[in-house]
Amino acid sequence: MIPETGTESHRLVRTRAVRLAHLLGMDSTTITVSGLAPLISIEELSEYLNVPTRTLHDWRLAGRGPRAVHVGRQLRYFVADVNEWLQQQREEVTGRAPEGR
C-alpha cells in the first residue's frame, strides 16, 4: 500500500528513495570526475541493502560482507566490490543459498 501524498510516511519513503537514487543507477565501471572509481560510505551501503550498519560491521569481521577500504578512520566500499559481492550472494537455483553459506 502506497502512503497518501503529504503524509509523514510518504515523505519518509520519498526521502529514502531520493537519497538512494544515485546508488541504484551507479555504474561501477564509471570513473568519477576525479578519475577514481566511485566509493560509498557504510551508511549508504546500509541504506541500499536495508540492513543496519552494525550488521555490515559484523559481516566484515566474519569475512562475509563486501570488501571495504579504510579512508582514514572511515570505511568506504568500491561500488564494483559491492556489485561483485552481491553477485556472489545470488542463488544459483531458486530457494537454495550459494555454496559456502
Protein backbone atom coordinates (compact mmCIF):
# COMPACT_ATOMS: atom_id res chain seq x y z
CA MET A 1 0.00 0.00 0.00
CA ILE A 2 1.46 3.35 -1.04
CA PRO A 3 1.09 6.07 1.59
CA GLU A 4 -1.06 9.05 0.73
CA THR A 5 0.74 12.07 -0.67
CA GLY A 6 1.51 14.58 2.05
CA THR A 7 1.58 12.08 4.92
CA GLU A 8 4.66 11.68 7.09
CA SER A 9 5.24 8.11 5.90
CA HIS A 10 5.04 9.24 2.26
CA ARG A 11 7.72 11.87 2.93
CA LEU A 12 9.97 9.26 4.57
CA VAL A 13 9.60 6.85 1.65
CA ARG A 14 10.23 9.61 -0.87
CA THR A 15 13.23 10.95 1.07
CA ARG A 16 14.81 7.49 1.25
CA ALA A 17 14.22 6.90 -2.45
CA VAL A 18 15.82 10.21 -3.37
CA ARG A 19 18.87 9.52 -1.19
CA LEU A 20 19.36 6.09 -2.76
CA ALA A 21 18.69 7.10 -6.37
CA HIS A 22 22.37 7.78 -7.05
CA LEU A 23 23.30 4.28 -5.85
CA LEU A 24 20.75 2.44 -7.97
CA GLY A 25 21.96 3.95 -11.21
CA MET A 26 25.65 3.96 -10.39
CA ASP A 27 27.74 2.12 -12.91
CA SER A 28 30.65 0.52 -11.08
CA THR A 29 32.90 0.91 -14.12
CA THR A 30 32.29 4.64 -14.46
CA ILE A 31 35.21 6.78 -13.41
CA THR A 32 34.35 9.85 -11.33
CA VAL A 33 35.36 13.40 -12.23
CA SER A 34 38.46 12.96 -10.10
CA GLY A 35 39.44 9.93 -12.18
CA LEU A 36 38.85 7.47 -9.35
CA ALA A 37 36.40 4.58 -9.03
CA PRO A 38 33.25 5.52 -7.07
CA LEU A 39 33.12 4.82 -3.32
CA ILE A 40 30.14 4.71 -0.96
CA SER A 41 30.04 5.01 2.81
CA ILE A 42 28.93 2.29 5.18
CA GLU A 43 25.81 4.36 5.89
CA GLU A 44 24.95 4.49 2.17
CA LEU A 45 25.53 0.75 1.83
CA SER A 46 23.40 0.15 4.90
CA GLU A 47 20.53 2.11 3.34
CA TYR A 48 20.95 0.43 -0.04
CA LEU A 49 20.88 -3.09 1.44
CA ASN A 50 18.35 -2.14 4.11
CA VAL A 51 20.47 -3.65 6.89
CA PRO A 52 21.90 -1.93 9.99
CA THR A 53 25.48 -0.66 9.84
CA ARG A 54 26.20 -3.00 12.77
CA THR A 55 25.30 -5.95 10.53
CA LEU A 56 27.76 -4.73 7.89
CA HIS A 57 30.48 -4.48 10.54
CA ASP A 58 29.66 -7.99 11.79
CA TRP A 59 29.68 -9.44 8.26
CA ARG A 60 33.01 -7.75 7.58
CA LEU A 61 34.63 -9.13 10.72
CA ALA A 62 33.30 -12.60 9.92
CA GLY A 63 34.62 -12.36 6.34
CA ARG A 64 31.11 -12.50 4.86
CA GLY A 65 30.50 -8.94 3.65
CA PRO A 66 31.83 -6.93 0.74
CA ARG A 67 35.46 -5.81 0.87
CA ALA A 68 35.97 -2.40 2.44
CA VAL A 69 38.61 0.29 2.14
CA HIS A 70 39.87 2.31 5.08
CA VAL A 71 39.97 6.02 4.31
CA GLY A 72 41.44 7.45 7.46
CA ARG A 73 39.18 6.12 10.21
CA GLN A 74 36.20 5.66 7.89
CA LEU A 75 35.14 2.58 5.94
CA ARG A 76 34.27 3.02 2.29
CA TYR A 77 33.21 0.49 -0.32
CA PHE A 78 34.03 0.45 -4.02
CA VAL A 79 30.76 0.14 -5.89
CA ALA A 80 32.38 -2.54 -8.09
CA ASP A 81 33.23 -4.62 -4.98
CA VAL A 82 29.67 -4.32 -3.67
CA ASN A 83 28.25 -5.41 -7.04
CA GLU A 84 30.66 -8.35 -7.19
CA TRP A 85 29.74 -9.41 -3.65
CA LEU A 86 26.03 -9.16 -4.43
CA GLN A 87 26.51 -11.39 -7.49
CA GLN A 88 28.20 -13.96 -5.24
CA GLN A 89 25.15 -13.88 -2.94
CA ARG A 90 22.76 -14.66 -5.79
CA GLU A 91 21.07 -18.04 -5.68
CA GLU A 92 22.19 -20.49 -8.36
CA VAL A 93 18.87 -22.30 -8.01
CA THR A 94 15.78 -20.63 -6.58
CA GLY A 95 15.39 -21.44 -2.89
CA ARG A 96 18.98 -22.65 -2.41
CA ALA A 97 21.69 -20.47 -0.88
CA PRO A 98 25.01 -20.15 -2.76
CA GLU A 99 27.72 -22.68 -1.94
CA GLY A 100 29.64 -21.96 1.24
CA ARG A 101 26.85 -20.10 3.02
